Amino acid sequence: MGFAQKKSGGKRIRIITDFLIGAHALEKADRFLTRDRGFYQSYFQELHILSP
């Protein structure tokens, strides 16, 4: 999985796959489905994000 698990009360650590997934979606897709809307919106403003 590309997402690091957040420990109770701890800071979530971003790993390279999060950025690779976002960059790939930005270049190859017209929209992106994720539950982590805040992260992808802050780093990939041009990406059209769908959130369930």
PDB file of N, CA and C in Angstrom:
ATOM      1  N   MET A   1       0.818  -1.173   0.000  1.00  0.00           N
ATOM      2  CA  MET A   1       0.000   0.000   0.000  1.00  0.00           C
ATOM      3  C   MET A   1       0.868   1.246   0.000  1.00  0.00           C
ATOM      4  N   GLY A   2       0.362   2.310  -0.572  1.00  0.00           N
ATOM      5  CA  GLY A   2       1.099   3.547  -0.658  1.00  0.00           C
ATOM      6  C   GLY A   2       0.895   4.465   0.530  1.00  0.00           C
ATOM      7  N   PHE A   3       0.117   4.058   1.494  1.00  0.00           N
ATOM      8  CA  PHE A   3      -0.193   4.950   2.598  1.00  0.00           C
ATOM      9  C   PHE A   3       0.382   4.405   3.891  1.00  0.00           C
ATOM     10  N   ALA A   4       1.086   5.256   4.611  1.00  0.00           N
ATOM     11  CA  ALA A   4       1.607   4.889   5.917  1.00  0.00           C
ATOM     12  C   ALA A   4       0.479   5.036   6.935  1.00  0.00           C
ATOM     13  N   GLN A   5       0.423   4.144   7.873  1.00  0.00           N
ATOM     14  CA  GLN A   5      -0.615   4.211   8.890  1.00  0.00           C
ATOM     15  C   GLN A   5      -0.243   5.212   9.967  1.00  0.00           C
ATOM     16  N   LYS A   6      -1.212   5.979  10.392  1.00  0.00           N
ATOM     17  CA  LYS A   6      -1.023   6.970  11.447  1.00  0.00           C
ATOM     18  C   LYS A   6      -1.263   6.285  12.781  1.00  0.00           C
ATOM     19  N   LYS A   7      -0.304   6.395  13.675  1.00  0.00           N
ATOM     20  CA  LYS A   7      -0.483   5.842  15.013  1.00  0.00           C
ATOM     21  C   LYS A   7      -1.365   6.773  15.819  1.00  0.00           C
ATOM     22  N   SER A   8      -1.973   6.270  16.840  1.00  0.00           N
ATOM     23  CA  SER A   8      -2.892   7.051  17.656  1.00  0.00           C
ATOM     24  C   SER A   8      -2.230   8.339  18.141  1.00  0.00           C
ATOM     25  N   GLY A   9      -2.737   9.461  17.654  1.00  0.00           N
ATOM     26  CA  GLY A   9      -2.219  10.755  18.052  1.00  0.00           C
ATOM     27  C   GLY A   9      -0.924  11.156  17.383  1.00  0.00           C
ATOM     28  N   GLY A  10      -0.374  10.287  16.543  1.00  0.00           N
ATOM     29  CA  GLY A  10       0.906  10.576  15.908  1.00  0.00           C
ATOM     30  C   GLY A  10       0.758  11.260  14.563  1.00  0.00           C
ATOM     31  N   LYS A  11       1.869  11.728  14.047  1.00  0.00           N
ATOM     32  CA  LYS A  11       1.892  12.406  12.757  1.00  0.00           C
ATOM     33  C   LYS A  11       1.977  11.373  11.638  1.00  0.00           C
ATOM     34  N   ARG A  12       1.211  11.579  10.592  1.00  0.00           N
ATOM     35  CA  ARG A  12       1.247  10.668   9.450  1.00  0.00           C
ATOM     36  C   ARG A  12       2.478  10.962   8.610  1.00  0.00           C
ATOM     37  N   ILE A  13       3.195   9.938   8.250  1.00  0.00           N
ATOM     38  CA  ILE A  13       4.414  10.088   7.466  1.00  0.00           C
ATOM     39  C   ILE A  13       4.088   9.854   6.000  1.00  0.00           C
ATOM     40  N   ARG A  14       4.462  10.808   5.153  1.00  0.00           N
ATOM     41  CA  ARG A  14       4.263  10.678   3.704  1.00  0.00           C
ATOM     42  C   ARG A  14       5.408   9.890   3.115  1.00  0.00           C
ATOM     43  N   ILE A  15       5.060   8.973   2.256  1.00  0.00           N
ATOM     44  CA  ILE A  15       6.094   8.202   1.572  1.00  0.00           C
ATOM     45  C   ILE A  15       6.028   8.492   0.086  1.00  0.00           C
ATOM     46  N   ILE A  16       7.062   8.125  -0.613  1.00  0.00           N
ATOM     47  CA  ILE A  16       7.220   8.485  -2.020  1.00  0.00           C
ATOM     48  C   ILE A  16       6.059   8.003  -2.888  1.00  0.00           C
ATOM     49  N   THR A  17       5.445   6.887  -2.548  1.00  0.00           N
ATOM     50  CA  THR A  17       4.355   6.386  -3.390  1.00  0.00           C
ATOM     51  C   THR A  17       3.155   7.328  -3.409  1.00  0.00           C
ATOM     52  N   ASP A  18       2.896   8.045  -2.312  1.00  0.00           N
ATOM     53  CA  ASP A  18       1.800   9.019  -2.304  1.00  0.00           C
ATOM     54  C   ASP A  18       2.025  10.068  -3.392  1.00  0.00           C
ATOM     55  N   PHE A  19       3.263  10.540  -3.503  1.00  0.00           N
ATOM     56  CA  PHE A  19       3.581  11.550  -4.503  1.00  0.00           C
ATOM     57  C   PHE A  19       3.582  10.971  -5.917  1.00  0.00           C
ATOM     58  N   LEU A  20       4.050   9.736  -6.067  1.00  0.00           N
ATOM     59  CA  LEU A  20       4.035   9.096  -7.387  1.00  0.00           C
ATOM     60  C   LEU A  20       2.605   8.866  -7.869  1.00  0.00           C
ATOM     61  N   ILE A  21       1.734   8.453  -6.984  1.00  0.00           N
ATOM     62  CA  ILE A  21       0.328   8.232  -7.342  1.00  0.00           C
ATOM     63  C   ILE A  21      -0.322   9.537  -7.764  1.00  0.00           C
ATOM     64  N   GLY A  22      -0.096  10.591  -6.998  1.00  0.00           N
ATOM     65  CA  GLY A  22      -0.662  11.897  -7.330  1.00  0.00           C
ATOM     66  C   GLY A  22      -0.138  12.439  -8.652  1.00  0.00           C
ATOM     67  N   ALA A  23       1.163  12.312  -8.879  1.00  0.00           N
ATOM     68  CA  ALA A  23       1.764  12.802 -10.122  1.00  0.00           C
ATOM     69  C   ALA A  23       1.246  12.012 -11.318  1.00  0.00           C
ATOM     70  N   HIS A  24       1.121  10.713 -11.169  1.00  0.00           N
ATOM     71  CA  HIS A  24       0.611   9.871 -12.254  1.00  0.00           C
ATOM     72  C   HIS A  24      -0.840  10.253 -12.581  1.00  0.00           C
ATOM     73  N   ALA A  25      -1.652  10.433 -11.549  1.00  0.00           N
ATOM     74  CA  ALA A  25      -3.047  10.821 -11.768  1.00  0.00           C
ATOM     75  C   ALA A  25      -3.134  12.183 -12.448  1.00  0.00           C
ATOM     76  N   LEU A  26      -2.273  13.098 -12.068  1.00  0.00           N
ATOM     77  CA  LEU A  26      -2.273  14.429 -12.667  1.00  0.00           C
ATOM     78  C   LEU A  26      -1.952  14.377 -14.155  1.00  0.00           C
ATOM     79  N   GLU A  27      -1.030  13.522 -14.535  1.00  0.00           N
ATOM     80  CA  GLU A  27      -0.601  13.420 -15.934  1.00  0.00           C
ATOM     81  C   GLU A  27      -1.502  12.532 -16.790  1.00  0.00           C
ATOM     82  N   LYS A  28      -2.056  11.471 -16.223  1.00  0.00           N
ATOM     83  CA  LYS A  28      -2.720  10.442 -17.032  1.00  0.00           C
ATOM     84  C   LYS A  28      -4.229  10.330 -16.857  1.00  0.00           C
ATOM     85  N   ALA A  29      -4.802  10.976 -15.856  1.00  0.00           N
ATOM     86  CA  ALA A  29      -6.232  10.797 -15.588  1.00  0.00           C
ATOM     87  C   ALA A  29      -6.957  12.136 -15.624  1.00  0.00           C
ATOM     88  N   ASP A  30      -8.258  12.089 -15.855  1.00  0.00           N
ATOM     89  CA  ASP A  30      -9.023  13.331 -15.833  1.00  0.00           C
ATOM     90  C   ASP A  30      -9.660  13.580 -14.470  1.00  0.00           C
ATOM     91  N   ARG A  31      -9.612  12.596 -13.571  1.00  0.00           N
ATOM     92  CA  ARG A  31     -10.078  12.757 -12.194  1.00  0.00           C
ATOM     93  C   ARG A  31      -9.440  11.681 -11.319  1.00  0.00           C
ATOM     94  N   PHE A  32      -9.518  11.877 -10.005  1.00  0.00           N
ATOM     95  CA  PHE A  32      -8.837  10.996  -9.061  1.00  0.00           C
ATOM     96  C   PHE A  32      -9.742  10.734  -7.866  1.00  0.00           C
ATOM     97  N   LEU A  33      -9.959   9.476  -7.543  1.00  0.00           N
ATOM     98  CA  LEU A  33     -10.802   9.082  -6.419  1.00  0.00           C
ATOM     99  C   LEU A  33      -9.908   8.742  -5.227  1.00  0.00           C
ATOM    100  N   THR A  34     -10.112   9.430  -4.105  1.00  0.00           N
ATOM    101  CA  THR A  34      -9.308   9.191  -2.908  1.00  0.00           C
ATOM    102  C   THR A  34     -10.090   9.549  -1.658  1.00  0.00           C
ATOM    103  N   ARG A  35      -9.726   8.929  -0.559  1.00  0.00           N
ATOM    104  CA  ARG A  35     -10.292   9.306   0.740  1.00  0.00           C
ATOM    105  C   ARG A  35      -9.420  10.343   1.426  1.00  0.00           C
ATOM    106  N   ASP A  36      -8.223  10.547   0.910  1.00  0.00           N
ATOM    107  CA  ASP A  36      -7.275  11.501   1.493  1.00  0.00           C
ATOM    108  C   ASP A  36      -7.272  12.788   0.677  1.00  0.00           C
ATOM    109  N   ARG A  37      -8.411  13.416   0.604  1.00  0.00           N
ATOM    110  CA  ARG A  37      -8.604  14.608  -0.223  1.00  0.00           C
ATOM    111  C   ARG A  37      -7.661  15.744   0.167  1.00  0.00           C
ATOM    112  N   GLY A  38      -7.462  15.977   1.445  1.00  0.00           N
ATOM    113  CA  GLY A  38      -6.648  17.089   1.918  1.00  0.00           C
ATOM    114  C   GLY A  38      -5.209  17.023   1.419  1.00  0.00           C
ATOM    115  N   PHE A  39      -4.587  15.874   1.499  1.00  0.00           N
ATOM    116  CA  PHE A  39      -3.199  15.729   1.061  1.00  0.00           C
ATOM    117  C   PHE A  39      -3.070  15.995  -0.426  1.00  0.00           C
ATOM    118  N   TYR A  40      -3.874  15.307  -1.217  1.00  0.00           N
ATOM    119  CA  TYR A  40      -3.741  15.443  -2.670  1.00  0.00           C
ATOM    120  C   TYR A  40      -4.143  16.833  -3.151  1.00  0.00           C
ATOM    121  N   GLN A  41      -5.100  17.454  -2.509  1.00  0.00           N
ATOM    122  CA  GLN A  41      -5.492  18.809  -2.899  1.00  0.00           C
ATOM    123  C   GLN A  41      -4.412  19.824  -2.563  1.00  0.00           C
ATOM    124  N   SER A  42      -3.714  19.614  -1.473  1.00  0.00           N
ATOM    125  CA  SER A  42      -2.685  20.577  -1.091  1.00  0.00           C
ATOM    126  C   SER A  42      -1.440  20.463  -1.975  1.00  0.00           C
ATOM    127  N   TYR A  43      -1.103  19.269  -2.441  1.00  0.00           N
ATOM    128  CA  TYR A  43       0.098  19.088  -3.252  1.00  0.00           C
ATOM    129  C   TYR A  43      -0.171  19.075  -4.759  1.00  0.00           C
ATOM    130  N   PHE A  44      -1.391  18.774  -5.162  1.00  0.00           N
ATOM    131  CA  PHE A  44      -1.742  18.695  -6.582  1.00  0.00           C
ATOM    132  C   PHE A  44      -3.011  19.509  -6.823  1.00  0.00           C
ATOM    133  N   GLN A  45      -2.893  20.844  -6.809  1.00  0.00           N
ATOM    134  CA  GLN A  45      -4.062  21.716  -6.923  1.00  0.00           C
ATOM    135  C   GLN A  45      -4.792  21.563  -8.247  1.00  0.00           C
ATOM    136  N   GLU A  46      -4.099  21.196  -9.307  1.00  0.00           N
ATOM    137  CA  GLU A  46      -4.722  21.075 -10.633  1.00  0.00           C
ATOM    138  C   GLU A  46      -5.505  19.780 -10.805  1.00  0.00           C
ATOM    139  N   LEU A  47      -5.338  18.845  -9.890  1.00  0.00           N
ATOM    140  CA  LEU A  47      -5.965  17.528  -9.990  1.00  0.00           C
ATOM    141  C   LEU A  47      -7.433  17.610  -9.563  1.00  0.00           C
ATOM    142  N   HIS A  48      -8.329  17.101 -10.407  1.00  0.00           N
ATOM    143  CA  HIS A  48      -9.772  17.048 -10.086  1.00  0.00           C
ATOM    144  C   HIS A  48     -10.003  15.839  -9.177  1.00  0.00           C
ATOM    145  N   ILE A  49     -10.343  16.083  -7.918  1.00  0.00           N
ATOM    146  CA  ILE A  49     -10.435  15.026  -6.913  1.00  0.00           C
ATOM    147  C   ILE A  49     -11.880  14.719  -6.599  1.00  0.00           C
ATOM    148  N   LEU A  50     -12.197  13.431  -6.569  1.00  0.00           N
ATOM    149  CA  LEU A  50     -13.505  12.931  -6.127  1.00  0.00           C
ATOM    150  C   LEU A  50     -13.300  12.263  -4.782  1.00  0.00           C
ATOM    151  N   SER A  51     -14.198  12.507  -3.847  1.00  0.00           N
ATOM    152  CA  SER A  51     -14.084  11.921  -2.529  1.00  0.00           C
ATOM    153  C   SER A  51     -15.403  11.258  -2.158  1.00  0.00           C
ATOM    154  N   PRO A  52     -15.344   9.971  -1.717  1.00  0.00           N
ATOM    155  CA  PRO A  52     -16.584   9.283  -1.358  1.00  0.00           C
ATOM    156  C   PRO A  52     -17.229   9.828  -0.108  1.00  0.00           C
TER     157      PRO A  52
END
